[in-house]
Amino acid sequence: MRNNVIIQKMLAYAKKVIRYCDGKTYSSFSNDSVLVEACVFNLSQLGELCRLIDNDFSSTHPEVPWKEMYGLRNRIVHDYEGVNLHLVWEIISCDLPELCVSLQKLSE
């Protein structure tokens, strides 16, 4: 039950970011500081939730990049050499839709 609640929250954060960036290009994204901050915040929240998932659950679902999401959270929160907006955009445009599919399957 606990994992399902966390998965639902993760899915909500991911969907928000996708919705915020719908129809955007990298240029329009990177030039909109409010959008960047909103997306980075939601991505950090998504990564933080990975820490709360039970280890047994995460190890049985390797299709979800748990460690990578938490690693992105660390980079964002600790600002290791600044946040790479190209990487953030690639995650948003390429990885988040796939992540949503995986999380949706886990929540059913």
PDB file of N, CA and C in Angstrom:
ATOM      1  N   MET A   1       0.820  -1.197   0.000  1.00  0.00           N
ATOM      2  CA  MET A   1       0.000   0.000   0.000  1.00  0.00           C
ATOM      3  C   MET A   1       0.864   1.262   0.000  1.00  0.00           C
ATOM      4  N   ARG A   2       1.859   1.291   0.876  1.00  0.00           N
ATOM      5  CA  ARG A   2       2.726   2.461   0.978  1.00  0.00           C
ATOM      6  C   ARG A   2       3.413   2.736  -0.356  1.00  0.00           C
ATOM      7  N   ASN A   3       3.938   1.693  -0.985  1.00  0.00           N
ATOM      8  CA  ASN A   3       4.605   1.871  -2.266  1.00  0.00           C
ATOM      9  C   ASN A   3       3.658   2.419  -3.314  1.00  0.00           C
ATOM     10  N   ASN A   4       2.417   1.971  -3.300  1.00  0.00           N
ATOM     11  CA  ASN A   4       1.442   2.434  -4.279  1.00  0.00           C
ATOM     12  C   ASN A   4       1.172   3.930  -4.130  1.00  0.00           C
ATOM     13  N   VAL A   5       1.094   4.404  -2.901  1.00  0.00           N
ATOM     14  CA  VAL A   5       0.877   5.835  -2.651  1.00  0.00           C
ATOM     15  C   VAL A   5       2.070   6.632  -3.186  1.00  0.00           C
ATOM     16  N   ILE A   6       3.253   6.152  -2.938  1.00  0.00           N
ATOM     17  CA  ILE A   6       4.465   6.822  -3.416  1.00  0.00           C
ATOM     18  C   ILE A   6       4.504   6.833  -4.942  1.00  0.00           C
ATOM     19  N   ILE A   7       4.167   5.716  -5.547  1.00  0.00           N
ATOM     20  CA  ILE A   7       4.143   5.625  -7.016  1.00  0.00           C
ATOM     21  C   ILE A   7       3.137   6.635  -7.584  1.00  0.00           C
ATOM     22  N   GLN A   8       1.991   6.753  -6.955  1.00  0.00           N
ATOM     23  CA  GLN A   8       0.984   7.717  -7.413  1.00  0.00           C
ATOM     24  C   GLN A   8       1.516   9.148  -7.344  1.00  0.00           C
ATOM     25  N   LYS A   9       2.222   9.481  -6.271  1.00  0.00           N
ATOM     26  CA  LYS A   9       2.815  10.809  -6.136  1.00  0.00           C
ATOM     27  C   LYS A   9       3.884  11.038  -7.195  1.00  0.00           C
ATOM     28  N   MET A  10       4.699  10.020  -7.430  1.00  0.00           N
ATOM     29  CA  MET A  10       5.744  10.125  -8.452  1.00  0.00           C
ATOM     30  C   MET A  10       5.121  10.368  -9.822  1.00  0.00           C
ATOM     31  N   LEU A  11       4.087   9.639 -10.112  1.00  0.00           N
ATOM     32  CA  LEU A  11       3.396   9.771 -11.388  1.00  0.00           C
ATOM     33  C   LEU A  11       2.823  11.179 -11.540  1.00  0.00           C
ATOM     34  N   ALA A  12       2.285  11.727 -10.465  1.00  0.00           N
ATOM     35  CA  ALA A  12       1.723  13.082 -10.512  1.00  0.00           C
ATOM     36  C   ALA A  12       2.811  14.116 -10.807  1.00  0.00           C
ATOM     37  N   TYR A  13       3.972  13.996 -10.165  1.00  0.00           N
ATOM     38  CA  TYR A  13       5.075  14.933 -10.433  1.00  0.00           C
ATOM     39  C   TYR A  13       5.540  14.828 -11.885  1.00  0.00           C
ATOM     40  N   ALA A  14       5.687  13.611 -12.369  1.00  0.00           N
ATOM     41  CA  ALA A  14       6.153  13.406 -13.749  1.00  0.00           C
ATOM     42  C   ALA A  14       5.144  13.981 -14.747  1.00  0.00           C
ATOM     43  N   LYS A  15       3.878  13.740 -14.512  1.00  0.00           N
ATOM     44  CA  LYS A  15       2.837  14.252 -15.421  1.00  0.00           C
ATOM     45  C   LYS A  15       2.786  15.777 -15.415  1.00  0.00           C
ATOM     46  N   LYS A  16       3.015  16.390 -14.252  1.00  0.00           N
ATOM     47  CA  LYS A  16       3.048  17.857 -14.189  1.00  0.00           C
ATOM     48  C   LYS A  16       4.133  18.404 -15.109  1.00  0.00           C
ATOM     49  N   VAL A  17       5.310  17.833 -15.016  1.00  0.00           N
ATOM     50  CA  VAL A  17       6.430  18.309 -15.830  1.00  0.00           C
ATOM     51  C   VAL A  17       6.116  18.146 -17.310  1.00  0.00           C
ATOM     52  N   ILE A  18       5.578  17.011 -17.674  1.00  0.00           N
ATOM     53  CA  ILE A  18       5.212  16.775 -19.073  1.00  0.00           C
ATOM     54  C   ILE A  18       4.171  17.798 -19.527  1.00  0.00           C
ATOM     55  N   ARG A  19       3.194  18.050 -18.688  1.00  0.00           N
ATOM     56  CA  ARG A  19       2.148  19.032 -19.023  1.00  0.00           C
ATOM     57  C   ARG A  19       2.738  20.439 -19.156  1.00  0.00           C
ATOM     58  N   TYR A  20       3.620  20.815 -18.244  1.00  0.00           N
ATOM     59  CA  TYR A  20       4.247  22.137 -18.303  1.00  0.00           C
ATOM     60  C   TYR A  20       5.021  22.343 -19.601  1.00  0.00           C
ATOM     61  N   CYS A  21       5.615  21.276 -20.095  1.00  0.00           N
ATOM     62  CA  CYS A  21       6.503  21.392 -21.260  1.00  0.00           C
ATOM     63  C   CYS A  21       5.844  21.021 -22.575  1.00  0.00           C
ATOM     64  N   ASP A  22       4.570  20.706 -22.539  1.00  0.00           N
ATOM     65  CA  ASP A  22       3.861  20.330 -23.757  1.00  0.00           C
ATOM     66  C   ASP A  22       3.953  21.450 -24.796  1.00  0.00           C
ATOM     67  N   GLY A  23       4.429  21.110 -25.966  1.00  0.00           N
ATOM     68  CA  GLY A  23       4.536  22.067 -27.063  1.00  0.00           C
ATOM     69  C   GLY A  23       5.758  22.970 -26.993  1.00  0.00           C
ATOM     70  N   LYS A  24       6.592  22.784 -25.988  1.00  0.00           N
ATOM     71  CA  LYS A  24       7.785  23.618 -25.836  1.00  0.00           C
ATOM     72  C   LYS A  24       8.963  23.031 -26.608  1.00  0.00           C
ATOM     73  N   THR A  25       9.893  23.899 -26.944  1.00  0.00           N
ATOM     74  CA  THR A  25      11.175  23.476 -27.504  1.00  0.00           C
ATOM     75  C   THR A  25      12.220  23.673 -26.415  1.00  0.00           C
ATOM     76  N   TYR A  26      13.417  23.165 -26.656  1.00  0.00           N
ATOM     77  CA  TYR A  26      14.486  23.387 -25.680  1.00  0.00           C
ATOM     78  C   TYR A  26      14.713  24.878 -25.481  1.00  0.00           C
ATOM     79  N   SER A  27      14.689  25.620 -26.558  1.00  0.00           N
ATOM     80  CA  SER A  27      14.939  27.051 -26.476  1.00  0.00           C
ATOM     81  C   SER A  27      13.879  27.756 -25.632  1.00  0.00           C
ATOM     82  N   SER A  28      12.613  27.458 -25.874  1.00  0.00           N
ATOM     83  CA  SER A  28      11.559  28.106 -25.094  1.00  0.00           C
ATOM     84  C   SER A  28      11.595  27.652 -23.634  1.00  0.00           C
ATOM     85  N   PHE A  29      11.980  26.409 -23.406  1.00  0.00           N
ATOM     86  CA  PHE A  29      12.132  25.894 -22.048  1.00  0.00           C
ATOM     87  C   PHE A  29      13.270  26.612 -21.329  1.00  0.00           C
ATOM     88  N   SER A  30      14.435  26.614 -21.936  1.00  0.00           N
ATOM     89  CA  SER A  30      15.624  27.147 -21.261  1.00  0.00           C
ATOM     90  C   SER A  30      15.569  28.661 -21.061  1.00  0.00           C
ATOM     91  N   ASN A  31      14.763  29.352 -21.852  1.00  0.00           N
ATOM     92  CA  ASN A  31      14.634  30.802 -21.705  1.00  0.00           C
ATOM     93  C   ASN A  31      13.514  31.233 -20.769  1.00  0.00           C
ATOM     94  N   ASP A  32      12.817  30.270 -20.192  1.00  0.00           N
ATOM     95  CA  ASP A  32      11.710  30.561 -19.278  1.00  0.00           C
ATOM     96  C   ASP A  32      12.113  30.116 -17.870  1.00  0.00           C
ATOM     97  N   SER A  33      12.638  31.025 -17.081  1.00  0.00           N
ATOM     98  CA  SER A  33      13.178  30.666 -15.769  1.00  0.00           C
ATOM     99  C   SER A  33      12.110  30.096 -14.831  1.00  0.00           C
ATOM    100  N   VAL A  34      10.886  30.569 -14.945  1.00  0.00           N
ATOM    101  CA  VAL A  34       9.815  30.045 -14.091  1.00  0.00           C
ATOM    102  C   VAL A  34       9.522  28.591 -14.469  1.00  0.00           C
ATOM    103  N   LEU A  35       9.469  28.306 -15.750  1.00  0.00           N
ATOM    104  CA  LEU A  35       9.243  26.941 -16.215  1.00  0.00           C
ATOM    105  C   LEU A  35      10.381  26.033 -15.785  1.00  0.00           C
ATOM    106  N   VAL A  36      11.606  26.487 -15.960  1.00  0.00           N
ATOM    107  CA  VAL A  36      12.767  25.690 -15.554  1.00  0.00           C
ATOM    108  C   VAL A  36      12.693  25.369 -14.062  1.00  0.00           C
ATOM    109  N   GLU A  37      12.427  26.388 -13.259  1.00  0.00           N
ATOM    110  CA  GLU A  37      12.357  26.170 -11.817  1.00  0.00           C
ATOM    111  C   GLU A  37      11.234  25.217 -11.441  1.00  0.00           C
ATOM    112  N   ALA A  38      10.084  25.339 -12.083  1.00  0.00           N
ATOM    113  CA  ALA A  38       8.961  24.441 -11.798  1.00  0.00           C
ATOM    114  C   ALA A  38       9.324  22.999 -12.152  1.00  0.00           C
ATOM    115  N   CYS A  39       9.929  22.815 -13.299  1.00  0.00           N
ATOM    116  CA  CYS A  39      10.299  21.463 -13.733  1.00  0.00           C
ATOM    117  C   CYS A  39      11.382  20.872 -12.845  1.00  0.00           C
ATOM    118  N   VAL A  40      12.397  21.662 -12.544  1.00  0.00           N
ATOM    119  CA  VAL A  40      13.488  21.177 -11.702  1.00  0.00           C
ATOM    120  C   VAL A  40      12.971  20.826 -10.312  1.00  0.00           C
ATOM    121  N   PHE A  41      12.081  21.649  -9.779  1.00  0.00           N
ATOM    122  CA  PHE A  41      11.496  21.340  -8.471  1.00  0.00           C
ATOM    123  C   PHE A  41      10.757  19.999  -8.507  1.00  0.00           C
ATOM    124  N   ASN A  42       9.911  19.821  -9.509  1.00  0.00           N
ATOM    125  CA  ASN A  42       9.136  18.574  -9.593  1.00  0.00           C
ATOM    126  C   ASN A  42      10.030  17.367  -9.823  1.00  0.00           C
ATOM    127  N   LEU A  43      11.086  17.520 -10.607  1.00  0.00           N
ATOM    128  CA  LEU A  43      12.030  16.422 -10.804  1.00  0.00           C
ATOM    129  C   LEU A  43      12.756  16.083  -9.505  1.00  0.00           C
ATOM    130  N   SER A  44      13.078  17.093  -8.713  1.00  0.00           N
ATOM    131  CA  SER A  44      13.736  16.818  -7.433  1.00  0.00           C
ATOM    132  C   SER A  44      12.785  16.104  -6.476  1.00  0.00           C
ATOM    133  N   GLN A  45      11.525  16.492  -6.482  1.00  0.00           N
ATOM    134  CA  GLN A  45      10.530  15.816  -5.650  1.00  0.00           C
ATOM    135  C   GLN A  45      10.370  14.352  -6.083  1.00  0.00           C
ATOM    136  N   LEU A  46      10.350  14.148  -7.372  1.00  0.00           N
ATOM    137  CA  LEU A  46      10.257  12.797  -7.926  1.00  0.00           C
ATOM    138  C   LEU A  46      11.425  11.947  -7.440  1.00  0.00           C
ATOM    139  N   GLY A  47      12.618  12.506  -7.507  1.00  0.00           N
ATOM    140  CA  GLY A  47      13.801  11.786  -7.039  1.00  0.00           C
ATOM    141  C   GLY A  47      13.784  11.524  -5.552  1.00  0.00           C
ATOM    142  N   GLU A  48      13.297  12.476  -4.796  1.00  0.00           N
ATOM    143  CA  GLU A  48      13.226  12.301  -3.334  1.00  0.00           C
ATOM    144  C   GLU A  48      12.316  11.140  -2.968  1.00  0.00           C
ATOM    145  N   LEU A  49      11.235  10.976  -3.691  1.00  0.00           N
ATOM    146  CA  LEU A  49      10.312   9.882  -3.408  1.00  0.00           C
ATOM    147  C   LEU A  49      10.934   8.511  -3.651  1.00  0.00           C
ATOM    148  N   CYS A  50      11.914   8.438  -4.532  1.00  0.00           N
ATOM    149  CA  CYS A  50      12.589   7.156  -4.794  1.00  0.00           C
ATOM    150  C   CYS A  50      13.201   6.590  -3.521  1.00  0.00           C
ATOM    151  N   ARG A  51      13.648   7.471  -2.653  1.00  0.00           N
ATOM    152  CA  ARG A  51      14.280   7.066  -1.401  1.00  0.00           C
ATOM    153  C   ARG A  51      13.287   6.353  -0.478  1.00  0.00           C
ATOM    154  N   LEU A  52      12.005   6.627  -0.657  1.00  0.00           N
ATOM    155  CA  LEU A  52      10.979   6.084   0.235  1.00  0.00           C
ATOM    156  C   LEU A  52      10.429   4.732  -0.212  1.00  0.00           C
ATOM    157  N   ILE A  53      10.723   4.347  -1.434  1.00  0.00           N
ATOM    158  CA  ILE A  53      10.253   3.054  -1.955  1.00  0.00           C
ATOM    159  C   ILE A  53      11.005   1.922  -1.249  1.00  0.00           C
ATOM    160  N   ASP A  54      10.294   0.877  -0.880  1.00  0.00           N
ATOM    161  CA  ASP A  54      10.935  -0.283  -0.251  1.00  0.00           C
ATOM    162  C   ASP A  54      11.979  -0.885  -1.182  1.00  0.00           C
ATOM    163  N   ASN A  55      13.099  -1.290  -0.609  1.00  0.00           N
ATOM    164  CA  ASN A  55      14.191  -1.873  -1.403  1.00  0.00           C
ATOM    165  C   ASN A  55      13.754  -3.116  -2.164  1.00  0.00           C
ATOM    166  N   ASP A  56      12.963  -3.959  -1.531  1.00  0.00           N
ATOM    167  CA  ASP A  56      12.484  -5.170  -2.210  1.00  0.00           C
ATOM    168  C   ASP A  56      11.638  -4.812  -3.425  1.00  0.00           C
ATOM    169  N   PHE A  57      10.805  -3.799  -3.268  1.00  0.00           N
ATOM    170  CA  PHE A  57       9.939  -3.363  -4.366  1.00  0.00           C
ATOM    171  C   PHE A  57      10.776  -2.816  -5.518  1.00  0.00           C
ATOM    172  N   SER A  58      11.720  -1.937  -5.218  1.00  0.00           N
ATOM    173  CA  SER A  58      12.522  -1.334  -6.284  1.00  0.00           C
ATOM    174  C   SER A  58      13.395  -2.368  -6.988  1.00  0.00           C
ATOM    175  N   SER A  59      13.901  -3.338  -6.240  1.00  0.00           N
ATOM    176  CA  SER A  59      14.749  -4.350  -6.884  1.00  0.00           C
ATOM    177  C   SER A  59      13.943  -5.289  -7.778  1.00  0.00           C
ATOM    178  N   THR A  60      12.660  -5.433  -7.520  1.00  0.00           N
ATOM    179  CA  THR A  60      11.830  -6.279  -8.378  1.00  0.00           C
ATOM    180  C   THR A  60      11.266  -5.506  -9.578  1.00  0.00           C
ATOM    181  N   HIS A  61      11.565  -4.209  -9.651  1.00  0.00           N
ATOM    182  CA  HIS A  61      11.098  -3.379 -10.765  1.00  0.00           C
ATOM    183  C   HIS A  61      12.253  -2.563 -11.343  1.00  0.00           C
ATOM    184  N   PRO A  62      13.192  -3.266 -11.979  1.00  0.00           N
ATOM    185  CA  PRO A  62      14.361  -2.571 -12.527  1.00  0.00           C
ATOM    186  C   PRO A  62      14.050  -1.715 -13.759  1.00  0.00           C
ATOM    187  N   GLU A  63      12.838  -1.823 -14.283  1.00  0.00           N
ATOM    188  CA  GLU A  63      12.455  -0.995 -15.432  1.00  0.00           C
ATOM    189  C   GLU A  63      12.337   0.477 -15.050  1.00  0.00           C
ATOM    190  N   VAL A  64      12.250   0.742 -13.762  1.00  0.00           N
ATOM    191  CA  VAL A  64      12.194   2.118 -13.261  1.00  0.00           C
ATOM    192  C   VAL A  64      13.611   2.511 -12.822  1.00  0.00           C
ATOM    193  N   PRO A  65      14.113   3.615 -13.324  1.00  0.00           N
ATOM    194  CA  PRO A  65      15.491   4.022 -12.994  1.00  0.00           C
ATOM    195  C   PRO A  65      15.586   4.707 -11.627  1.00  0.00           C
ATOM    196  N   TRP A  66      15.361   3.945 -10.567  1.00  0.00           N
ATOM    197  CA  TRP A  66      15.316   4.484  -9.206  1.00  0.00           C
ATOM    198  C   TRP A  66      16.585   5.261  -8.851  1.00  0.00           C
ATOM    199  N   LYS A  67      17.737   4.617  -9.051  1.00  0.00           N
ATOM    200  CA  LYS A  67      19.013   5.244  -8.658  1.00  0.00           C
ATOM    201  C   LYS A  67      19.289   6.498  -9.474  1.00  0.00           C
ATOM    202  N   GLU A  68      18.969   6.453 -10.752  1.00  0.00           N
ATOM    203  CA  GLU A  68      19.206   7.602 -11.612  1.00  0.00           C
ATOM    204  C   GLU A  68      18.331   8.783 -11.212  1.00  0.00           C
ATOM    205  N   MET A  69      17.078   8.492 -10.858  1.00  0.00           N
ATOM    206  CA  MET A  69      16.183   9.574 -10.438  1.00  0.00           C
ATOM    207  C   MET A  69      16.657  10.199  -9.131  1.00  0.00           C
ATOM    208  N   TYR A  70      17.110   9.351  -8.206  1.00  0.00           N
ATOM    209  CA  TYR A  70      17.623   9.896  -6.953  1.00  0.00           C
ATOM    210  C   TYR A  70      18.937  10.642  -7.197  1.00  0.00           C
ATOM    211  N   GLY A  71      19.732  10.144  -8.120  1.00  0.00           N
ATOM    212  CA  GLY A  71      20.974  10.836  -8.474  1.00  0.00           C
ATOM    213  C   GLY A  71      20.705  12.210  -9.068  1.00  0.00           C
ATOM    214  N   LEU A  72      19.688  12.317  -9.910  1.00  0.00           N
ATOM    215  CA  LEU A  72      19.315  13.618 -10.461  1.00  0.00           C
ATOM    216  C   LEU A  72      18.860  14.542  -9.345  1.00  0.00           C
ATOM    217  N   ARG A  73      18.107  14.024  -8.427  1.00  0.00           N
ATOM    218  CA  ARG A  73      17.674  14.812  -7.276  1.00  0.00           C
ATOM    219  C   ARG A  73      18.882  15.378  -6.529  1.00  0.00           C
ATOM    220  N   ASN A  74      19.892  14.541  -6.313  1.00  0.00           N
ATOM    221  CA  ASN A  74      21.095  14.999  -5.619  1.00  0.00           C
ATOM    222  C   ASN A  74      21.805  16.101  -6.390  1.00  0.00           C
ATOM    223  N   ARG A  75      21.884  15.932  -7.690  1.00  0.00           N
ATOM    224  CA  ARG A  75      22.538  16.958  -8.508  1.00  0.00           C
ATOM    225  C   ARG A  75      21.792  18.281  -8.445  1.00  0.00           C
ATOM    226  N   ILE A  76      20.473  18.197  -8.461  1.00  0.00           N
ATOM    227  CA  ILE A  76      19.650  19.402  -8.396  1.00  0.00           C
ATOM    228  C   ILE A  76      19.791  20.075  -7.027  1.00  0.00           C
ATOM    229  N   VAL A  77      19.601  19.305  -5.980  1.00  0.00           N
ATOM    230  CA  VAL A  77      19.578  19.856  -4.629  1.00  0.00           C
ATOM    231  C   VAL A  77      20.948  20.391  -4.211  1.00  0.00           C
ATOM    232  N   HIS A  78      21.988  19.663  -4.568  1.00  0.00           N
ATOM    233  CA  HIS A  78      23.334  20.062  -4.141  1.00  0.00           C
ATOM    234  C   HIS A  78      24.046  20.918  -5.183  1.00  0.00           C
ATOM    235  N   ASP A  79      23.386  21.109  -6.329  1.00  0.00           N
ATOM    236  CA  ASP A  79      23.908  21.963  -7.392  1.00  0.00           C
ATOM    237  C   ASP A  79      25.357  21.632  -7.758  1.00  0.00           C
ATOM    238  N   TYR A  80      25.621  20.354  -7.952  1.00  0.00           N
ATOM    239  CA  TYR A  80      26.947  19.924  -8.365  1.00  0.00           C
ATOM    240  C   TYR A  80      27.253  20.532  -9.727  1.00  0.00           C
ATOM    241  N   GLU A  81      28.102  21.519  -9.760  1.00  0.00           N
ATOM    242  CA  GLU A  81      28.536  22.176 -10.996  1.00  0.00           C
ATOM    243  C   GLU A  81      27.377  22.763 -11.783  1.00  0.00           C
ATOM    244  N   GLY A  82      26.313  23.140 -11.119  1.00  0.00           N
ATOM    245  CA  GLY A  82      25.160  23.722 -11.801  1.00  0.00           C
ATOM    246  C   GLY A  82      24.287  22.656 -12.428  1.00  0.00           C
ATOM    247  N   VAL A  83      23.053  23.004 -12.633  1.00  0.00           N
ATOM    248  CA  VAL A  83      22.106  22.073 -13.248  1.00  0.00           C
ATOM    249  C   VAL A  83      22.267  22.159 -14.755  1.00  0.00           C
ATOM    250  N   ASN A  84      22.473  21.027 -15.385  1.00  0.00           N
ATOM    251  CA  ASN A  84      22.656  20.942 -16.826  1.00  0.00           C
ATOM    252  C   ASN A  84      21.275  20.948 -17.491  1.00  0.00           C
ATOM    253  N   LEU A  85      20.898  22.089 -18.067  1.00  0.00           N
ATOM    254  CA  LEU A  85      19.565  22.196 -18.659  1.00  0.00           C
ATOM    255  C   LEU A  85      19.375  21.297 -19.866  1.00  0.00           C
ATOM    256  N   HIS A  86      20.453  21.020 -20.590  1.00  0.00           N
ATOM    257  CA  HIS A  86      20.331  20.083 -21.720  1.00  0.00           C
ATOM    258  C   HIS A  86      19.944  18.697 -21.213  1.00  0.00           C
ATOM    259  N   LEU A  87      20.573  18.281 -20.117  1.00  0.00           N
ATOM    260  CA  LEU A  87      20.247  16.985 -19.521  1.00  0.00           C
ATOM    261  C   LEU A  87      18.817  16.983 -18.999  1.00  0.00           C
ATOM    262  N   VAL A  88      18.426  18.047 -18.322  1.00  0.00           N
ATOM    263  CA  VAL A  88      17.059  18.139 -17.798  1.00  0.00           C
ATOM    264  C   VAL A  88      16.054  18.064 -18.943  1.00  0.00           C
ATOM    265  N   TRP A  89      16.324  18.782 -20.027  1.00  0.00           N
ATOM    266  CA  TRP A  89      15.405  18.754 -21.173  1.00  0.00           C
ATOM    267  C   TRP A  89      15.340  17.358 -21.797  1.00  0.00           C
ATOM    268  N   GLU A  90      16.475  16.694 -21.892  1.00  0.00           N
ATOM    269  CA  GLU A  90      16.494  15.338 -22.453  1.00  0.00           C
ATOM    270  C   GLU A  90      15.666  14.397 -21.576  1.00  0.00           C
ATOM    271  N   ILE A  91      15.802  14.530 -20.282  1.00  0.00           N
ATOM    272  CA  ILE A  91      15.012  13.713 -19.356  1.00  0.00           C
ATOM    273  C   ILE A  91      13.524  13.994 -19.541  1.00  0.00           C
ATOM    274  N   ILE A  92      13.178  15.275 -19.625  1.00  0.00           N
ATOM    275  CA  ILE A  92      11.769  15.655 -19.774  1.00  0.00           C
ATOM    276  C   ILE A  92      11.199  15.142 -21.101  1.00  0.00           C
ATOM    277  N   SER A  93      11.924  15.375 -22.170  1.00  0.00           N
ATOM    278  CA  SER A  93      11.377  15.053 -23.493  1.00  0.00           C
ATOM    279  C   SER A  93      11.503  13.582 -23.875  1.00  0.00           C
ATOM    280  N   CYS A  94      12.506  12.893 -23.362  1.00  0.00           N
ATOM    281  CA  CYS A  94      12.731  11.496 -23.769  1.00  0.00           C
ATOM    282  C   CYS A  94      12.364  10.476 -22.689  1.00  0.00           C
ATOM    283  N   ASP A  95      12.748  10.752 -21.453  1.00  0.00           N
ATOM    284  CA  ASP A  95      12.630   9.742 -20.401  1.00  0.00           C
ATOM    285  C   ASP A  95      11.321   9.789 -19.609  1.00  0.00           C
ATOM    286  N   LEU A  96      10.804  10.982 -19.377  1.00  0.00           N
ATOM    287  CA  LEU A  96       9.592  11.075 -18.540  1.00  0.00           C
ATOM    288  C   LEU A  96       8.370  10.378 -19.128  1.00  0.00           C
ATOM    289  N   PRO A  97       8.118  10.496 -20.432  1.00  0.00           N
ATOM    290  CA  PRO A  97       6.950   9.766 -20.954  1.00  0.00           C
ATOM    291  C   PRO A  97       7.055   8.258 -20.725  1.00  0.00           C
ATOM    292  N   GLU A  98       8.239   7.717 -20.921  1.00  0.00           N
ATOM    293  CA  GLU A  98       8.455   6.284 -20.688  1.00  0.00           C
ATOM    294  C   GLU A  98       8.319   5.951 -19.203  1.00  0.00           C
ATOM    295  N   LEU A  99       8.838   6.829 -18.357  1.00  0.00           N
ATOM    296  CA  LEU A  99       8.711   6.626 -16.909  1.00  0.00           C
ATOM    297  C   LEU A  99       7.242   6.610 -16.504  1.00  0.00           C
ATOM    298  N   CYS A 100       6.444   7.500 -17.068  1.00  0.00           N
ATOM    299  CA  CYS A 100       5.015   7.532 -16.754  1.00  0.00           C
ATOM    300  C   CYS A 100       4.344   6.211 -17.098  1.00  0.00           C
ATOM    301  N   VAL A 101       4.707   5.635 -18.218  1.00  0.00           N
ATOM    302  CA  VAL A 101       4.134   4.341 -18.609  1.00  0.00           C
ATOM    303  C   VAL A 101       4.495   3.271 -17.572  1.00  0.00           C
ATOM    304  N   SER A 102       5.763   3.233 -17.179  1.00  0.00           N
ATOM    305  CA  SER A 102       6.210   2.251 -16.186  1.00  0.00           C
ATOM    306  C   SER A 102       5.521   2.451 -14.842  1.00  0.00           C
ATOM    307  N   LEU A 103       5.442   3.696 -14.398  1.00  0.00           N
ATOM    308  CA  LEU A 103       4.797   3.982 -13.111  1.00  0.00           C
ATOM    309  C   LEU A 103       3.308   3.671 -13.160  1.00  0.00           C
ATOM    310  N   GLN A 104       2.669   3.970 -14.294  1.00  0.00           N
ATOM    311  CA  GLN A 104       1.250   3.679 -14.443  1.00  0.00           C
ATOM    312  C   GLN A 104       1.008   2.177 -14.318  1.00  0.00           C
ATOM    313  N   LYS A 105       1.861   1.363 -14.930  1.00  0.00           N
ATOM    314  CA  LYS A 105       1.711  -0.107 -14.826  1.00  0.00           C
ATOM    315  C   LYS A 105       1.870  -0.560 -13.392  1.00  0.00           C
ATOM    316  N   LEU A 106       2.799   0.053 -12.655  1.00  0.00           N
ATOM    317  CA  LEU A 106       3.022  -0.330 -11.272  1.00  0.00           C
ATOM    318  C   LEU A 106       1.864   0.056 -10.361  1.00  0.00           C
ATOM    319  N   SER A 107       1.146   1.086 -10.746  1.00  0.00           N
ATOM    320  CA  SER A 107       0.056   1.582  -9.891  1.00  0.00           C
ATOM    321  C   SER A 107      -1.256   0.839 -10.118  1.00  0.00           C
ATOM    322  N   GLU A 108      -1.307   0.018 -11.129  1.00  0.00           N
ATOM    323  CA  GLU A 108      -2.571  -0.706 -11.434  1.00  0.00           C
ATOM    324  C   GLU A 108      -2.723  -1.952 -10.602  1.00  0.00           C
TER     325      GLU A 108
END
